[in-house]
């Protein structure tokens, strides 16, 4: 599948095998082997090819039928969450331009980033990756919020708070802890 997609993209741009070999700093024989599906490029070369043609690695490898599915889902999920690219970029600790590259297919987000975005948007990782059309997969009964979930949410939400508001949030947490301890004492 890679060979067909690579050849199609190369021809669409009007490049010869020799042109692509030079652009990717590989031998012409390597390009010929790729196009006949006798070999697949190394990971770093796959990334260069994906960047060069503005497609995903999944598209190149035949794992996605459309060049833009993942990126369209990222944008759609962000819009449904009513977040701007700038807000999401700040949460991820990257520039708006870097995040924009995820939504336009110029850059492929890491699995860790996809996982963070799925949590932020309230959808499954599989949905963002185009493996399912079900936005949120979960158990019939809601799982209790675990420490990791709560800590992550507080960290992500608290990053943009002022120091004064962080202090207030900490005081509220201490208050609720005291309330819980009182309830536990009464229950004994």
C-alpha atoms as a PDB file:
ATOM      1  CA  UNK A   1       0.000   0.000   0.000  1.00  0.00           C
ATOM      2  CA  UNK A   2       2.827   2.425   0.835  1.00  0.00           C
ATOM      3  CA  UNK A   3       4.327   2.040  -2.629  1.00  0.00           C
ATOM      4  CA  UNK A   4       1.099   2.975  -4.393  1.00  0.00           C
ATOM      5  CA  UNK A   5       0.416   5.977  -2.189  1.00  0.00           C
ATOM      6  CA  UNK A   6       3.990   7.237  -2.364  1.00  0.00           C
ATOM      7  CA  UNK A   7       4.070   6.860  -6.168  1.00  0.00           C
ATOM      8  CA  UNK A   8       0.717   8.635  -6.497  1.00  0.00           C
ATOM      9  CA  UNK A   9       1.865  11.571  -4.379  1.00  0.00           C
ATOM     10  CA  UNK A  10       5.223  11.795  -6.145  1.00  0.00           C
ATOM     11  CA  UNK A  11       3.631  11.839  -9.600  1.00  0.00           C
ATOM     12  CA  UNK A  12       0.937  14.285  -8.499  1.00  0.00           C
ATOM     13  CA  UNK A  13       3.715  16.733  -7.545  1.00  0.00           C
ATOM     14  CA  UNK A  14       5.493  16.046 -10.847  1.00  0.00           C
ATOM     15  CA  UNK A  15       8.678  14.571  -9.370  1.00  0.00           C
ATOM     16  CA  UNK A  16      10.807  11.760 -10.745  1.00  0.00           C
ATOM     17  CA  UNK A  17      12.212   9.002  -8.557  1.00  0.00           C
ATOM     18  CA  UNK A  18      15.601  10.741  -8.812  1.00  0.00           C
ATOM     19  CA  UNK A  19      14.050  14.027  -7.606  1.00  0.00           C
ATOM     20  CA  UNK A  20      12.542  12.315  -4.560  1.00  0.00           C
ATOM     21  CA  UNK A  21      15.767  10.464  -3.797  1.00  0.00           C
ATOM     22  CA  UNK A  22      17.613  13.776  -3.732  1.00  0.00           C
ATOM     23  CA  UNK A  23      14.954  15.548  -1.638  1.00  0.00           C
ATOM     24  CA  UNK A  24      14.902  12.710   0.915  1.00  0.00           C
ATOM     25  CA  UNK A  25      18.656  12.114   0.857  1.00  0.00           C
ATOM     26  CA  UNK A  26      18.310   8.438  -0.114  1.00  0.00           C
ATOM     27  CA  UNK A  27      19.368   6.399  -3.122  1.00  0.00           C
ATOM     28  CA  UNK A  28      17.208   6.142  -6.215  1.00  0.00           C
ATOM     29  CA  UNK A  29      17.251   2.372  -5.650  1.00  0.00           C
ATOM     30  CA  UNK A  30      15.601   2.899  -2.252  1.00  0.00           C
ATOM     31  CA  UNK A  31      12.825   4.950  -3.853  1.00  0.00           C
ATOM     32  CA  UNK A  32      12.312   2.236  -6.510  1.00  0.00           C
ATOM     33  CA  UNK A  33      12.119  -0.439  -3.779  1.00  0.00           C
ATOM     34  CA  UNK A  34       9.506   1.597  -1.898  1.00  0.00           C
ATOM     35  CA  UNK A  35       7.378   2.093  -4.986  1.00  0.00           C
ATOM     36  CA  UNK A  36       7.358  -1.646  -5.753  1.00  0.00           C
ATOM     37  CA  UNK A  37       6.534  -2.457  -2.101  1.00  0.00           C
ATOM     38  CA  UNK A  38       9.760  -4.393  -1.667  1.00  0.00           C
ATOM     39  CA  UNK A  39      10.784  -2.156   1.222  1.00  0.00           C
ATOM     40  CA  UNK A  40       9.269   0.489   3.481  1.00  0.00           C
ATOM     41  CA  UNK A  41      11.240   3.566   4.556  1.00  0.00           C
ATOM     42  CA  UNK A  42      12.602   3.878   8.083  1.00  0.00           C
ATOM     43  CA  UNK A  43      10.481   5.734  10.606  1.00  0.00           C
ATOM     44  CA  UNK A  44      12.349   9.062  10.341  1.00  0.00           C
ATOM     45  CA  UNK A  45      12.142   8.937   6.531  1.00  0.00           C
ATOM     46  CA  UNK A  46       8.414   8.137   6.727  1.00  0.00           C
ATOM     47  CA  UNK A  47       7.967  11.277   8.830  1.00  0.00           C
ATOM     48  CA  UNK A  48       9.905  13.350   6.268  1.00  0.00           C
ATOM     49  CA  UNK A  49       7.729  11.991   3.451  1.00  0.00           C
ATOM     50  CA  UNK A  50       4.522  12.666   5.399  1.00  0.00           C
ATOM     51  CA  UNK A  51       5.676  16.218   6.156  1.00  0.00           C
ATOM     52  CA  UNK A  52       6.783  16.797   2.590  1.00  0.00           C
ATOM     53  CA  UNK A  53       3.448  15.735   1.067  1.00  0.00           C
ATOM     54  CA  UNK A  54       1.362  17.098   3.969  1.00  0.00           C
ATOM     55  CA  UNK A  55      -0.263  13.733   4.729  1.00  0.00           C
ATOM     56  CA  UNK A  56      -0.279  11.448   7.752  1.00  0.00           C
ATOM     57  CA  UNK A  57       1.952   8.436   8.170  1.00  0.00           C
ATOM     58  CA  UNK A  58      -1.246   6.404   8.565  1.00  0.00           C
ATOM     59  CA  UNK A  59      -2.334   7.557   5.133  1.00  0.00           C
ATOM     60  CA  UNK A  60       1.021   6.598   3.610  1.00  0.00           C
ATOM     61  CA  UNK A  61       0.855   3.128   5.171  1.00  0.00           C
ATOM     62  CA  UNK A  62      -2.742   2.557   4.089  1.00  0.00           C
ATOM     63  CA  UNK A  63      -4.122   2.658   7.620  1.00  0.00           C
ATOM     64  CA  UNK A  64      -6.353   5.634   6.820  1.00  0.00           C
ATOM     65  CA  UNK A  65      -8.456   5.993   3.691  1.00  0.00           C
ATOM     66  CA  UNK A  66      -8.410   9.719   3.812  1.00  0.00           C
ATOM     67  CA  UNK A  67      -5.454  12.011   4.171  1.00  0.00           C
ATOM     68  CA  UNK A  68      -7.247  14.278   6.592  1.00  0.00           C
ATOM     69  CA  UNK A  69      -9.513  12.104   8.821  1.00  0.00           C
ATOM     70  CA  UNK A  70      -7.482  12.401  12.024  1.00  0.00           C
ATOM     71  CA  UNK A  71      -6.964  16.117  11.537  1.00  0.00           C
ATOM     72  CA  UNK A  72     -10.601  16.775  10.749  1.00  0.00           C
ATOM     73  CA  UNK A  73     -11.584  14.924  13.915  1.00  0.00           C
ATOM     74  CA  UNK A  74      -9.140  16.963  15.985  1.00  0.00           C
ATOM     75  CA  UNK A  75     -10.643  20.189  14.678  1.00  0.00           C
ATOM     76  CA  UNK A  76     -14.233  18.978  15.026  1.00  0.00           C
ATOM     77  CA  UNK A  77     -13.675  17.745  18.596  1.00  0.00           C
ATOM     78  CA  UNK A  78     -11.983  21.018  19.543  1.00  0.00           C
ATOM     79  CA  UNK A  79     -14.845  23.043  18.124  1.00  0.00           C
ATOM     80  CA  UNK A  80     -17.433  20.868  19.905  1.00  0.00           C
ATOM     81  CA  UNK A  81     -15.500  21.437  23.149  1.00  0.00           C
ATOM     82  CA  UNK A  82     -15.717  25.179  22.404  1.00  0.00           C
ATOM     83  CA  UNK A  83     -11.983  25.678  22.675  1.00  0.00           C
ATOM     84  CA  UNK A  84      -9.758  27.834  20.521  1.00  0.00           C
ATOM     85  CA  UNK A  85      -6.499  26.584  19.082  1.00  0.00           C
ATOM     86  CA  UNK A  86      -4.696  28.984  21.403  1.00  0.00           C
ATOM     87  CA  UNK A  87      -6.460  27.594  24.497  1.00  0.00           C
ATOM     88  CA  UNK A  88      -5.623  24.011  23.531  1.00  0.00           C
ATOM     89  CA  UNK A  89      -2.035  24.916  22.683  1.00  0.00           C
ATOM     90  CA  UNK A  90      -1.632  26.558  26.107  1.00  0.00           C
ATOM     91  CA  UNK A  91      -3.002  23.453  27.828  1.00  0.00           C
ATOM     92  CA  UNK A  92      -0.556  21.272  25.892  1.00  0.00           C
ATOM     93  CA  UNK A  93       2.304  23.692  26.514  1.00  0.00           C
ATOM     94  CA  UNK A  94       2.973  24.291  22.811  1.00  0.00           C
ATOM     95  CA  UNK A  95       2.511  27.215  20.437  1.00  0.00           C
ATOM     96  CA  UNK A  96      -0.754  27.831  18.618  1.00  0.00           C
ATOM     97  CA  UNK A  97       1.080  27.291  15.346  1.00  0.00           C
ATOM     98  CA  UNK A  98       2.330  23.882  16.493  1.00  0.00           C
ATOM     99  CA  UNK A  99      -1.226  22.893  17.431  1.00  0.00           C
ATOM    100  CA  UNK A 100      -2.515  24.237  14.114  1.00  0.00           C
ATOM    101  CA  UNK A 101      -0.113  21.864  12.368  1.00  0.00           C
ATOM    102  CA  UNK A 102      -1.921  18.954  14.044  1.00  0.00           C
ATOM    103  CA  UNK A 103      -5.266  20.098  12.654  1.00  0.00           C
ATOM    104  CA  UNK A 104      -3.922  20.774   9.162  1.00  0.00           C
ATOM    105  CA  UNK A 105      -1.939  17.546   8.900  1.00  0.00           C
ATOM    106  CA  UNK A 106       1.443  19.214   8.726  1.00  0.00           C
ATOM    107  CA  UNK A 107       2.497  17.469  11.919  1.00  0.00           C
ATOM    108  CA  UNK A 108       1.389  14.238  13.508  1.00  0.00           C
ATOM    109  CA  UNK A 109       0.709  14.446  17.261  1.00  0.00           C
ATOM    110  CA  UNK A 110       2.351  11.845  19.488  1.00  0.00           C
ATOM    111  CA  UNK A 111       0.200   9.175  21.086  1.00  0.00           C
ATOM    112  CA  UNK A 112       0.646  10.942  24.423  1.00  0.00           C
ATOM    113  CA  UNK A 113      -0.668  14.175  22.892  1.00  0.00           C
ATOM    114  CA  UNK A 114      -3.599  12.326  21.275  1.00  0.00           C
ATOM    115  CA  UNK A 115      -4.392  10.829  24.681  1.00  0.00           C
ATOM    116  CA  UNK A 116      -4.345  14.271  26.358  1.00  0.00           C
ATOM    117  CA  UNK A 117      -6.546  15.703  23.594  1.00  0.00           C
ATOM    118  CA  UNK A 118      -9.028  12.829  23.912  1.00  0.00           C
ATOM    119  CA  UNK A 119      -9.319  13.542  27.644  1.00  0.00           C
ATOM    120  CA  UNK A 120      -9.655  17.275  27.036  1.00  0.00           C
ATOM    121  CA  UNK A 121     -12.334  16.810  24.355  1.00  0.00           C
ATOM    122  CA  UNK A 122     -14.199  14.037  26.154  1.00  0.00           C
ATOM    123  CA  UNK A 123     -13.773  11.522  23.336  1.00  0.00           C
ATOM    124  CA  UNK A 124     -11.883   8.263  22.956  1.00  0.00           C
ATOM    125  CA  UNK A 125      -8.408   7.973  21.486  1.00  0.00           C
ATOM    126  CA  UNK A 126      -9.814   5.505  18.957  1.00  0.00           C
ATOM    127  CA  UNK A 127     -12.328   8.121  17.835  1.00  0.00           C
ATOM    128  CA  UNK A 128      -9.619  10.737  17.253  1.00  0.00           C
ATOM    129  CA  UNK A 129      -7.528   8.193  15.350  1.00  0.00           C
ATOM    130  CA  UNK A 130     -10.484   7.269  13.142  1.00  0.00           C
ATOM    131  CA  UNK A 131     -10.709   3.685  14.394  1.00  0.00           C
ATOM    132  CA  UNK A 132     -14.306   4.113  15.513  1.00  0.00           C
ATOM    133  CA  UNK A 133     -17.168   6.526  14.965  1.00  0.00           C
ATOM    134  CA  UNK A 134     -18.222   6.211  18.606  1.00  0.00           C
ATOM    135  CA  UNK A 135     -16.987   9.355  20.286  1.00  0.00           C
ATOM    136  CA  UNK A 136     -16.809   8.093  23.843  1.00  0.00           C
ATOM    137  CA  UNK A 137     -16.380   4.500  24.846  1.00  0.00           C
ATOM    138  CA  UNK A 138     -17.006   3.722  28.434  1.00  0.00           C
ATOM    139  CA  UNK A 139     -18.613   1.318  30.890  1.00  0.00           C
ATOM    140  CA  UNK A 140     -22.353   1.282  31.501  1.00  0.00           C
ATOM    141  CA  UNK A 141     -21.752   2.579  35.013  1.00  0.00           C
ATOM    142  CA  UNK A 142     -19.495   5.555  35.511  1.00  0.00           C
ATOM    143  CA  UNK A 143     -16.155   4.746  37.062  1.00  0.00           C
ATOM    144  CA  UNK A 144     -15.309   6.765  40.155  1.00  0.00           C
ATOM    145  CA  UNK A 145     -12.866   9.555  39.606  1.00  0.00           C
ATOM    146  CA  UNK A 146      -9.435   8.292  40.545  1.00  0.00           C
ATOM    147  CA  UNK A 147      -6.565  10.271  41.983  1.00  0.00           C
ATOM    148  CA  UNK A 148      -4.771  10.319  38.641  1.00  0.00           C
ATOM    149  CA  UNK A 149      -7.866  11.645  36.861  1.00  0.00           C
ATOM    150  CA  UNK A 150      -8.464  14.300  39.509  1.00  0.00           C
ATOM    151  CA  UNK A 151      -4.808  15.308  39.761  1.00  0.00           C
ATOM    152  CA  UNK A 152      -4.480  15.573  35.995  1.00  0.00           C
ATOM    153  CA  UNK A 153      -7.673  17.648  35.730  1.00  0.00           C
ATOM    154  CA  UNK A 154      -6.582  19.987  38.515  1.00  0.00           C
ATOM    155  CA  UNK A 155      -3.141  20.344  36.985  1.00  0.00           C
ATOM    156  CA  UNK A 156      -4.486  21.078  33.521  1.00  0.00           C
ATOM    157  CA  UNK A 157      -7.200  23.444  34.715  1.00  0.00           C
ATOM    158  CA  UNK A 158      -5.055  25.064  37.393  1.00  0.00           C
ATOM    159  CA  UNK A 159      -2.178  25.978  35.092  1.00  0.00           C
ATOM    160  CA  UNK A 160      -3.898  29.137  33.954  1.00  0.00           C
ATOM    161  CA  UNK A 161      -5.024  30.303  37.390  1.00  0.00           C
ATOM    162  CA  UNK A 162      -3.394  33.201  39.145  1.00  0.00           C
ATOM    163  CA  UNK A 163      -1.403  32.435  42.303  1.00  0.00           C
ATOM    164  CA  UNK A 164      -4.207  33.961  44.357  1.00  0.00           C
ATOM    165  CA  UNK A 165      -6.827  31.693  42.772  1.00  0.00           C
ATOM    166  CA  UNK A 166      -4.544  28.663  43.188  1.00  0.00           C
ATOM    167  CA  UNK A 167      -4.354  29.463  46.912  1.00  0.00           C
ATOM    168  CA  UNK A 168      -8.156  29.715  47.084  1.00  0.00           C
ATOM    169  CA  UNK A 169      -8.502  26.369  45.315  1.00  0.00           C
ATOM    170  CA  UNK A 170      -6.107  24.777  47.806  1.00  0.00           C
ATOM    171  CA  UNK A 171      -8.132  26.207  50.714  1.00  0.00           C
ATOM    172  CA  UNK A 172     -11.302  24.762  49.211  1.00  0.00           C
ATOM    173  CA  UNK A 173      -9.653  21.353  48.877  1.00  0.00           C
ATOM    174  CA  UNK A 174      -8.577  21.505  52.539  1.00  0.00           C
ATOM    175  CA  UNK A 175     -12.137  22.462  53.537  1.00  0.00           C
ATOM    176  CA  UNK A 176     -13.629  19.502  51.650  1.00  0.00           C
ATOM    177  CA  UNK A 177     -11.035  17.179  53.174  1.00  0.00           C
ATOM    178  CA  UNK A 178     -12.043  18.347  56.671  1.00  0.00           C
ATOM    179  CA  UNK A 179     -15.714  17.854  55.802  1.00  0.00           C
ATOM    180  CA  UNK A 180     -14.978  14.323  54.603  1.00  0.00           C
ATOM    181  CA  UNK A 181     -13.086  13.526  57.799  1.00  0.00           C
ATOM    182  CA  UNK A 182     -16.044  14.752  59.880  1.00  0.00           C
ATOM    183  CA  UNK A 183     -18.435  12.598  57.849  1.00  0.00           C
ATOM    184  CA  UNK A 184     -16.161   9.581  58.288  1.00  0.00           C
ATOM    185  CA  UNK A 185     -16.060  10.150  62.071  1.00  0.00           C
ATOM    186  CA  UNK A 186     -19.869  10.336  62.231  1.00  0.00           C
ATOM    187  CA  UNK A 187     -20.165   7.121  60.223  1.00  0.00           C
ATOM    188  CA  UNK A 188     -18.069   5.219  62.821  1.00  0.00           C
END
